[in-house]
Amino acid sequence: MLAVDVLEPDQRVKKYLADHPRSVPIVLTKDTNLAAMYDARSYPIYVVIDRDGNIAGEQRGAAGERGLRRLLSRAGIEAKPESEE
């Protein structure tokens, strides 16, 4: 899993992450082509890419844990709750 932040100031993201730590790597980029590829008009956008490199699912807007698990399931990935890992 990887999170990508497009065009937001680095310091703003770093401050947010200091207050809201994440266990996934965060990539900061200024490349607006990436946002255009996924027709990003609202955030967050979750895109699940399967093992063959195909988009298996997409969620626009916050989906919560249950919604993200559904997306992962479509890609053939079983995601266990943190308490079970």
C-alpha atoms as a PDB file:
ATOM      1  CA  MET A   1       0.000   0.000   0.000  1.00  0.00           C
ATOM      2  CA  LEU A   2       1.192   3.464  -0.849  1.00  0.00           C
ATOM      3  CA  ALA A   3      -0.313   6.912  -0.302  1.00  0.00           C
ATOM      4  CA  VAL A   4       0.327   9.758  -2.743  1.00  0.00           C
ATOM      5  CA  ASP A   5      -0.207  13.427  -1.978  1.00  0.00           C
ATOM      6  CA  VAL A   6      -0.306  15.725  -5.017  1.00  0.00           C
ATOM      7  CA  LEU A   7       0.570  19.434  -4.860  1.00  0.00           C
ATOM      8  CA  GLU A   8       0.102  19.994  -1.150  1.00  0.00           C
ATOM      9  CA  PRO A   9       2.945  21.870   0.555  1.00  0.00           C
ATOM     10  CA  ASP A  10       5.435  19.424   2.084  1.00  0.00           C
ATOM     11  CA  GLN A  11       5.392  21.150   5.482  1.00  0.00           C
ATOM     12  CA  ARG A  12       1.583  20.943   5.685  1.00  0.00           C
ATOM     13  CA  VAL A  13       1.662  17.210   4.978  1.00  0.00           C
ATOM     14  CA  LYS A  14       4.499  16.609   7.444  1.00  0.00           C
ATOM     15  CA  LYS A  15       2.640  18.509  10.170  1.00  0.00           C
ATOM     16  CA  TYR A  16      -0.553  16.541   9.469  1.00  0.00           C
ATOM     17  CA  LEU A  17       1.357  13.245   9.597  1.00  0.00           C
ATOM     18  CA  ALA A  18       3.024  14.241  12.863  1.00  0.00           C
ATOM     19  CA  ASP A  19      -0.470  14.617  14.369  1.00  0.00           C
ATOM     20  CA  HIS A  20      -2.032  11.690  12.442  1.00  0.00           C
ATOM     21  CA  PRO A  21       0.662   9.038  11.857  1.00  0.00           C
ATOM     22  CA  ARG A  22       0.192   6.514   9.058  1.00  0.00           C
ATOM     23  CA  SER A  23       1.747   3.068   8.740  1.00  0.00           C
ATOM     24  CA  VAL A  24       2.034   3.288   4.947  1.00  0.00           C
ATOM     25  CA  PRO A  25       4.669   5.160   2.954  1.00  0.00           C
ATOM     26  CA  ILE A  26       3.566   8.633   1.810  1.00  0.00           C
ATOM     27  CA  VAL A  27       4.849  10.006  -1.498  1.00  0.00           C
ATOM     28  CA  LEU A  28       4.748  13.781  -1.954  1.00  0.00           C
ATOM     29  CA  THR A  29       4.661  14.894  -5.579  1.00  0.00           C
ATOM     30  CA  LYS A  30       4.068  18.014  -7.624  1.00  0.00           C
ATOM     31  CA  ASP A  31       3.238  15.931 -10.717  1.00  0.00           C
ATOM     32  CA  THR A  32      -0.299  16.954 -11.652  1.00  0.00           C
ATOM     33  CA  ASN A  33      -0.333  14.353 -14.438  1.00  0.00           C
ATOM     34  CA  LEU A  34      -0.888  11.731 -11.769  1.00  0.00           C
ATOM     35  CA  ALA A  35      -4.017  13.501 -10.534  1.00  0.00           C
ATOM     36  CA  ALA A  36      -5.205  13.964 -14.119  1.00  0.00           C
ATOM     37  CA  MET A  37      -4.759  10.248 -14.858  1.00  0.00           C
ATOM     38  CA  TYR A  38      -7.397   9.458 -12.242  1.00  0.00           C
ATOM     39  CA  ASP A  39      -9.591  12.478 -12.986  1.00  0.00           C
ATOM     40  CA  ALA A  40      -9.047  13.708  -9.439  1.00  0.00           C
ATOM     41  CA  ARG A  41     -11.538  16.422  -8.613  1.00  0.00           C
ATOM     42  CA  SER A  42     -12.136  15.516  -4.981  1.00  0.00           C
ATOM     43  CA  TYR A  43     -10.005  13.824  -2.374  1.00  0.00           C
ATOM     44  CA  PRO A  44      -9.212  11.313  -1.118  1.00  0.00           C
ATOM     45  CA  ILE A  45      -9.253   8.862  -3.988  1.00  0.00           C
ATOM     46  CA  TYR A  46      -8.378   5.243  -3.345  1.00  0.00           C
ATOM     47  CA  VAL A  47      -7.227   3.182  -6.306  1.00  0.00           C
ATOM     48  CA  VAL A  48      -6.520  -0.523  -5.932  1.00  0.00           C
ATOM     49  CA  ILE A  49      -4.267  -2.039  -8.555  1.00  0.00           C
ATOM     50  CA  ASP A  50      -4.261  -5.814  -8.788  1.00  0.00           C
ATOM     51  CA  ARG A  51      -1.217  -8.055  -9.198  1.00  0.00           C
ATOM     52  CA  ASP A  52      -1.466  -7.789 -12.993  1.00  0.00           C
ATOM     53  CA  GLY A  53      -1.305  -3.970 -12.903  1.00  0.00           C
ATOM     54  CA  ASN A  54      -4.995  -3.450 -13.673  1.00  0.00           C
ATOM     55  CA  ILE A  55      -7.264  -1.110 -11.722  1.00  0.00           C
ATOM     56  CA  ALA A  56      -9.393  -3.454  -9.641  1.00  0.00           C
ATOM     57  CA  GLY A  57     -11.413  -0.808  -7.851  1.00  0.00           C
ATOM     58  CA  GLU A  58     -11.695   2.847  -7.064  1.00  0.00           C
ATOM     59  CA  GLN A  59     -13.313   4.843  -4.270  1.00  0.00           C
ATOM     60  CA  ARG A  60     -13.762   8.607  -4.379  1.00  0.00           C
ATOM     61  CA  GLY A  61     -14.143  10.147  -0.960  1.00  0.00           C
ATOM     62  CA  ALA A  62     -13.478   8.597   2.401  1.00  0.00           C
ATOM     63  CA  ALA A  63     -14.699   5.021   2.496  1.00  0.00           C
ATOM     64  CA  GLY A  64     -13.756   4.013   6.005  1.00  0.00           C
ATOM     65  CA  GLU A  65     -12.152   0.708   6.806  1.00  0.00           C
ATOM     66  CA  ARG A  66     -15.051  -1.396   5.525  1.00  0.00           C
ATOM     67  CA  GLY A  67     -15.047   0.325   2.123  1.00  0.00           C
ATOM     68  CA  LEU A  68     -11.300  -0.057   1.748  1.00  0.00           C
ATOM     69  CA  ARG A  69     -11.525  -3.760   2.609  1.00  0.00           C
ATOM     70  CA  ARG A  70     -14.129  -4.191  -0.158  1.00  0.00           C
ATOM     71  CA  LEU A  71     -11.768  -2.534  -2.642  1.00  0.00           C
ATOM     72  CA  LEU A  72      -8.900  -4.780  -1.608  1.00  0.00           C
ATOM     73  CA  SER A  73     -11.138  -7.825  -1.861  1.00  0.00           C
ATOM     74  CA  ARG A  74     -11.939  -6.932  -5.487  1.00  0.00           C
ATOM     75  CA  ALA A  75      -8.204  -7.040  -6.184  1.00  0.00           C
ATOM     76  CA  GLY A  76      -7.950 -10.485  -4.603  1.00  0.00           C
ATOM     77  CA  ILE A  77      -6.235  -9.184  -1.461  1.00  0.00           C
ATOM     78  CA  GLU A  78      -7.443 -10.230   1.953  1.00  0.00           C
ATOM     79  CA  ALA A  79      -6.843  -7.468   4.471  1.00  0.00           C
ATOM     80  CA  LYS A  80      -6.907  -8.551   8.089  1.00  0.00           C
ATOM     81  CA  PRO A  81      -7.840  -6.039  10.766  1.00  0.00           C
ATOM     82  CA  GLU A  82      -4.781  -4.708  12.631  1.00  0.00           C
ATOM     83  CA  SER A  83      -5.889  -6.566  15.755  1.00  0.00           C
ATOM     84  CA  GLU A  84      -5.468  -9.881  13.858  1.00  0.00           C
ATOM     85  CA  GLU A  85      -2.033  -9.162  12.365  1.00  0.00           C
END
